[in-house]
Structures are given as structure tokens and as C-alpha cells.
C-alpha atoms as a PDB file:
ATOM      1  CA  MET A   1     -12.905  67.065 -98.766  1.00  0.00           C
ATOM      2  CA  LEU A   2     -14.430  68.028-102.105  1.00  0.00           C
ATOM      3  CA  SER A   3     -13.263  70.209-104.952  1.00  0.00           C
ATOM      4  CA  PRO A   4     -15.220  73.354-105.864  1.00  0.00           C
ATOM      5  CA  TYR A   5     -18.505  72.624-107.608  1.00  0.00           C
ATOM      6  CA  ASP A   6     -20.854  74.633-109.806  1.00  0.00           C
ATOM      7  CA  ALA A   7     -24.069  72.512-109.598  1.00  0.00           C
ATOM      8  CA  GLN A   8     -23.935  70.970-113.063  1.00  0.00           C
ATOM      9  CA  ASN A   9     -24.091  67.334-114.153  1.00  0.00           C
ATOM     10  CA  VAL A  10     -20.387  66.528-113.838  1.00  0.00           C
ATOM     11  CA  PRO A  11     -18.007  63.562-113.702  1.00  0.00           C
ATOM     12  CA  LEU A  12     -16.665  62.428-110.325  1.00  0.00           C
ATOM     13  CA  VAL A  13     -13.105  61.329-109.544  1.00  0.00           C
ATOM     14  CA  VAL A  14     -12.510  59.687-106.147  1.00  0.00           C
ATOM     15  CA  MET A  15      -8.864  60.127-105.124  1.00  0.00           C
ATOM     16  CA  LEU A  16      -7.338  57.746-102.557  1.00  0.00           C
ATOM     17  CA  HIS A  17      -4.318  59.253-100.821  1.00  0.00           C
ATOM     18  CA  GLY A  18      -1.090  57.377-100.169  1.00  0.00           C
ATOM     19  CA  CYS A  19       0.428  56.230 -96.901  1.00  0.00           C
ATOM     20  CA  THR A  20       1.126  58.951 -94.326  1.00  0.00           C
ATOM     21  CA  GLN A  21      -0.879  61.461 -96.378  1.00  0.00           C
ATOM     22  CA  SER A  22      -4.104  63.221 -95.555  1.00  0.00           C
ATOM     23  CA  PRO A  23      -6.780  64.064 -98.142  1.00  0.00           C
ATOM     24  CA  GLU A  24      -5.641  67.695 -97.913  1.00  0.00           C
ATOM     25  CA  ASP A  25      -1.964  66.778 -98.551  1.00  0.00           C
ATOM     26  CA  PHE A  26      -3.011  64.658-101.515  1.00  0.00           C
ATOM     27  CA  ALA A  27      -5.200  67.404-102.981  1.00  0.00           C
ATOM     28  CA  ILE A  28      -2.371  69.922-102.727  1.00  0.00           C
ATOM     29  CA  GLY A  29       0.276  67.534-104.050  1.00  0.00           C
ATOM     30  CA  THR A  30      -1.750  66.325-107.019  1.00  0.00           C
ATOM     31  CA  ARG A  31      -3.282  69.722-107.868  1.00  0.00           C
ATOM     32  CA  MET A  32      -6.444  67.822-108.766  1.00  0.00           C
ATOM     33  CA  ASN A  33      -8.714  70.631-107.577  1.00  0.00           C
ATOM     34  CA  LYS A  34      -7.151  73.005-110.092  1.00  0.00           C
ATOM     35  CA  ALA A  35      -7.588  70.432-112.876  1.00  0.00           C
ATOM     36  CA  ALA A  36     -11.144  69.761-111.711  1.00  0.00           C
ATOM     37  CA  GLU A  37     -12.019  73.447-111.872  1.00  0.00           C
ATOM     38  CA  ALA A  38     -10.518  73.755-115.358  1.00  0.00           C
ATOM     39  CA  HIS A  39     -12.484  70.738-116.664  1.00  0.00           C
ATOM     40  CA  ASN A  40     -15.662  70.992-114.552  1.00  0.00           C
ATOM     41  CA  VAL A  41     -15.114  67.735-112.644  1.00  0.00           C
ATOM     42  CA  MET A  42     -15.960  66.935-109.009  1.00  0.00           C
ATOM     43  CA  VAL A  43     -13.152  65.388-106.978  1.00  0.00           C
ATOM     44  CA  ALA A  44     -13.688  63.638-103.643  1.00  0.00           C
ATOM     45  CA  TYR A  45     -10.904  62.698-101.244  1.00  0.00           C
ATOM     46  CA  PRO A  46     -11.915  60.049 -98.692  1.00  0.00           C
ATOM     47  CA  GLY A  47      -9.598  59.958 -95.707  1.00  0.00           C
ATOM     48  CA  ARG A  48      -7.920  57.063 -93.981  1.00  0.00           C
ATOM     49  CA  THR A  49      -7.141  57.233 -90.276  1.00  0.00           C
ATOM     50  CA  SER A  50      -4.245  55.800 -88.313  1.00  0.00           C
ATOM     51  CA  SER A  51      -6.737  53.667 -86.333  1.00  0.00           C
ATOM     52  CA  ALA A  52      -7.366  51.671 -89.534  1.00  0.00           C
ATOM     53  CA  ASN A  53      -3.699  51.568 -90.533  1.00  0.00           C
ATOM     54  CA  LEU A  54      -0.838  53.101 -88.535  1.00  0.00           C
ATOM     55  CA  GLN A  55       0.554  54.798 -91.655  1.00  0.00           C
ATOM     56  CA  LYS A  56      -2.934  55.806 -92.899  1.00  0.00           C
ATOM     57  CA  CYS A  57      -2.530  53.463 -95.884  1.00  0.00           C
ATOM     58  CA  TRP A  58      -5.477  52.048 -97.766  1.00  0.00           C
ATOM     59  CA  ASN A  59      -5.189  48.288 -97.310  1.00  0.00           C
ATOM     60  CA  TRP A  60      -5.978  47.432-100.941  1.00  0.00           C
ATOM     61  CA  TYR A  61      -3.291  44.738-100.954  1.00  0.00           C
ATOM     62  CA  HIS A  62      -5.237  42.458 -98.554  1.00  0.00           C
ATOM     63  CA  ALA A  63      -7.255  39.866-100.484  1.00  0.00           C
ATOM     64  CA  GLY A  64     -10.356  40.620 -98.375  1.00  0.00           C
ATOM     65  CA  ASN A  65     -10.226  44.231 -99.566  1.00  0.00           C
ATOM     66  CA  GLN A  66     -10.287  43.301-103.238  1.00  0.00           C
ATOM     67  CA  LYS A  67     -13.953  42.294-103.404  1.00  0.00           C
ATOM     68  CA  ARG A  68     -16.961  44.460-104.170  1.00  0.00           C
ATOM     69  CA  GLY A  69     -18.819  45.431-101.006  1.00  0.00           C
ATOM     70  CA  ALA A  70     -16.197  44.030 -98.633  1.00  0.00           C
ATOM     71  CA  ARG A  71     -14.152  45.788 -95.952  1.00  0.00           C
ATOM     72  CA  GLU A  72     -12.478  48.855 -97.482  1.00  0.00           C
ATOM     73  CA  PRO A  73     -14.343  48.979-100.798  1.00  0.00           C
ATOM     74  CA  ALA A  74     -17.674  49.268 -98.938  1.00  0.00           C
ATOM     75  CA  PRO A  75     -17.072  52.627 -97.189  1.00  0.00           C
ATOM     76  CA  ILE A  76     -15.440  54.059-100.334  1.00  0.00           C
ATOM     77  CA  ALA A  77     -18.490  53.000-102.359  1.00  0.00           C
ATOM     78  CA  ASP A  78     -20.820  54.392 -99.662  1.00  0.00           C
ATOM     79  CA  MET A  79     -19.010  57.747 -99.689  1.00  0.00           C
ATOM     80  CA  THR A  80     -19.161  57.792-103.482  1.00  0.00           C
ATOM     81  CA  ARG A  81     -22.913  57.149-103.408  1.00  0.00           C
ATOM     82  CA  GLN A  82     -23.377  59.930-100.824  1.00  0.00           C
ATOM     83  CA  VAL A  83     -21.541  62.400-103.047  1.00  0.00           C
ATOM     84  CA  MET A  84     -23.617  61.273-106.026  1.00  0.00           C
ATOM     85  CA  GLU A  85     -26.830  61.814-104.044  1.00  0.00           C
ATOM     86  CA  ALA A  86     -25.771  65.222-102.685  1.00  0.00           C
ATOM     87  CA  TYR A  87     -24.538  66.631-106.018  1.00  0.00           C
ATOM     88  CA  VAL A  88     -25.513  66.331-109.668  1.00  0.00           C
ATOM     89  CA  ILE A  89     -23.000  63.707-110.811  1.00  0.00           C
ATOM     90  CA  ASP A  90     -23.029  62.047-114.214  1.00  0.00           C
ATOM     91  CA  SER A  91     -23.135  58.373-113.181  1.00  0.00           C
ATOM     92  CA  ARG A  92     -21.586  57.331-116.507  1.00  0.00           C
ATOM     93  CA  PHE A  93     -18.368  59.057-115.466  1.00  0.00           C
ATOM     94  CA  VAL A  94     -17.353  57.994-111.962  1.00  0.00           C
ATOM     95  CA  PHE A  95     -13.694  57.059-111.531  1.00  0.00           C
ATOM     96  CA  ILE A  96     -11.344  56.114-108.714  1.00  0.00           C
ATOM     97  CA  ALA A  97      -7.618  56.778-108.640  1.00  0.00           C
ATOM     98  CA  GLY A  98      -4.893  56.942-106.052  1.00  0.00           C
ATOM     99  CA  MET A  99      -1.447  56.239-104.813  1.00  0.00           C
END
């Protein structure tokens, strides 16, 4: 799920939802799309499935998931790169945030 976009060179914020949430729930609850529209920022919401974690949690707390290119960071980085290739993103301003 992505926020609205107007084809300019913009910052990107990748938002990781909390346990039991979906990307859509997180977008609504945080109102990040509204903030993104107001400040011309792209927001991406990667989703986590219950097959990876029964509560749909990101497993950041496992030591193996705290290394660049390993387990969970790899698909998040891949998704971020895909967004950056598909849209005009200012690579100096790419951020990740979440619950």
C-alpha cells in the first residue's frame, strides 16, 4: 500500500505496522497518508502475514533479524528498492519507522 503520489522527487517513509495490524489499519491509525500529502512525501506500508508470525508481528527482536541483508531486513530493503525504482524518490531521504 502506498500513499498518493504526484511524480516529483520526494522523500520516502517506510512504515512497519504493529502486531495484529494490517498495512491498511496502520495507515488509517497513524494518518500518515494525510501527513504525506500535506508535505509531499511517499509512504510505503509493507505487510506482514500470519504465516511469518501468528500475530503478524515483525520479528525485529530476533538477533538474526538485526543484520543488514538478513531474514526480515532483506525483503523490507527489497521492497524499498522497488519503490525507489518505480517512483522518483530522493535517495538522501529514505526513512523507516514503525510500531
